[in-house]
Protein backbone atom coordinates (compact mmCIF):
# COMPACT_ATOMS: atom_id res chain seq x y z
CA ASN A 1 -29.22 11.63 -51.05
CA ILE A 2 -28.97 13.95 -48.42
CA ASP A 3 -30.55 12.83 -45.11
CA MET A 4 -29.92 15.95 -43.74
CA PHE A 5 -31.16 15.45 -39.50
CA LYS A 6 -27.57 12.65 -40.17
CA LYS A 7 -26.09 14.81 -41.89
CA LYS A 8 -24.54 11.96 -44.00
CA PHE A 9 -24.26 11.23 -47.75
CA ILE A 10 -21.90 9.23 -50.37
CA ILE A 11 -21.26 10.94 -53.72
CA LYS A 12 -20.18 9.09 -57.04
CA ALA A 13 -18.04 11.51 -59.28
CA LYS A 14 -15.62 12.14 -62.37
CA VAL A 15 -11.86 14.34 -60.79
CA TRP A 16 -11.17 17.70 -62.40
CA ARG A 17 -8.46 19.59 -62.62
CA TRP A 18 -8.94 23.38 -62.29
CA PRO A 19 -7.50 25.04 -64.81
CA GLY A 20 -4.04 27.09 -64.07
CA ASP A 21 -1.54 27.47 -61.31
CA GLY A 22 -1.19 24.95 -59.09
CA GLY A 23 -2.93 21.90 -60.19
CA TRP A 24 -6.13 21.40 -57.34
CA HIS A 25 -7.73 18.92 -58.33
CA PHE A 26 -11.76 18.60 -57.41
CA VAL A 27 -15.13 17.00 -57.46
CA THR A 28 -18.43 18.38 -57.89
CA LEU A 29 -21.48 17.58 -56.12
CA GLU A 30 -25.27 16.79 -57.79
CA LYS A 31 -27.22 20.02 -58.39
CA LYS A 32 -29.61 18.31 -56.42
CA LEU A 33 -27.56 17.19 -53.35
CA SER A 34 -26.02 21.46 -53.57
CA GLU A 35 -29.68 22.77 -53.41
CA SER A 36 -30.82 20.32 -50.84
CA ILE A 37 -27.21 21.31 -48.88
CA ARG A 38 -27.66 25.36 -49.60
CA LYS A 39 -31.05 25.50 -47.86
CA VAL A 40 -29.62 24.28 -44.62
CA TYR A 41 -25.65 25.86 -44.87
CA THR A 42 -27.11 29.04 -46.52
CA LYS A 43 -23.52 30.41 -46.41
CA GLY A 44 -19.85 30.15 -47.17
CA PHE A 45 -17.91 26.82 -46.65
CA VAL A 46 -19.68 23.74 -45.45
CA LYS A 47 -17.28 22.19 -43.03
CA ILE A 48 -17.30 18.25 -43.41
CA GLU A 49 -15.11 14.65 -43.51
CA ALA A 50 -15.06 12.68 -46.20
CA LYS A 51 -13.80 9.49 -47.00
CA VAL A 52 -12.23 7.90 -49.80
CA GLY A 53 -10.43 4.29 -49.52
CA LYS A 54 -9.09 4.20 -46.40
CA SER A 55 -8.26 7.72 -46.23
CA ILE A 56 -10.34 10.24 -44.65
CA TRP A 57 -9.82 14.21 -43.74
CA LYS A 58 -11.17 17.59 -42.41
CA THR A 59 -12.03 19.79 -45.17
CA SER A 60 -14.65 22.00 -46.72
CA LEU A 61 -17.13 22.30 -49.18
CA PHE A 62 -16.26 25.12 -51.72
CA PRO A 63 -19.50 26.92 -53.05
CA HIS A 64 -19.28 27.12 -56.32
CA LYS A 65 -21.40 29.36 -58.73
CA GLU A 66 -23.93 27.49 -60.98
CA SER A 67 -21.98 24.06 -59.63
CA GLY A 68 -23.52 24.14 -56.14
CA TYR A 69 -20.62 22.59 -53.98
CA LEU A 70 -16.76 21.81 -54.97
CA LEU A 71 -14.58 19.10 -52.43
CA CYS A 72 -10.91 18.92 -52.93
CA ILE A 73 -9.31 16.30 -53.26
CA SER A 74 -5.54 16.83 -51.86
CA LYS A 75 -2.11 15.86 -53.68
CA LYS A 76 -1.52 13.60 -50.47
CA ILE A 77 -4.63 11.67 -50.30
CA ARG A 78 -4.97 11.42 -54.19
CA LYS A 79 -1.14 9.99 -54.03
CA VAL A 80 -2.14 7.51 -50.91
CA GLU A 81 -5.33 6.19 -52.59
CA GLY A 82 -3.85 6.29 -56.60
CA ILE A 83 -6.35 8.90 -58.23
CA MET A 84 -5.66 10.35 -61.05
CA GLU A 85 -7.45 13.57 -63.14
CA GLY A 86 -10.69 11.77 -64.82
CA ASP A 87 -11.14 9.04 -62.53
CA GLU A 88 -14.74 8.74 -61.07
CA VAL A 89 -14.09 8.10 -56.89
CA ARG A 90 -16.48 7.04 -53.85
CA ILE A 91 -16.73 9.71 -51.11
CA SER A 92 -18.52 9.52 -47.78
CA ILE A 93 -19.14 13.14 -46.96
CA VAL A 94 -20.18 13.34 -42.94
CA ILE A 95 -20.92 17.57 -43.15
CA GLN A 96 -19.55 18.78 -38.75
């Protein structure tokens, strides 16, 4: 789970594609984890550093209604790491 003191955690989630134009790909953080984050970071986007495979990038967790938070995985990262829609990925996240 989340250690708010260290602000660091690992998620395993399935990659899904946003319906519509653009082809944005996301993973959804578990509800319990999202609730823990929201208790500390009450509004808006949460700046993070994410790592999947050997790729590290700075981005934000996107707040999303019932789902809690979403993490976008860019085309560049997906290409380098060979990630496709439907893949389960392990992502290290550090809140900035």
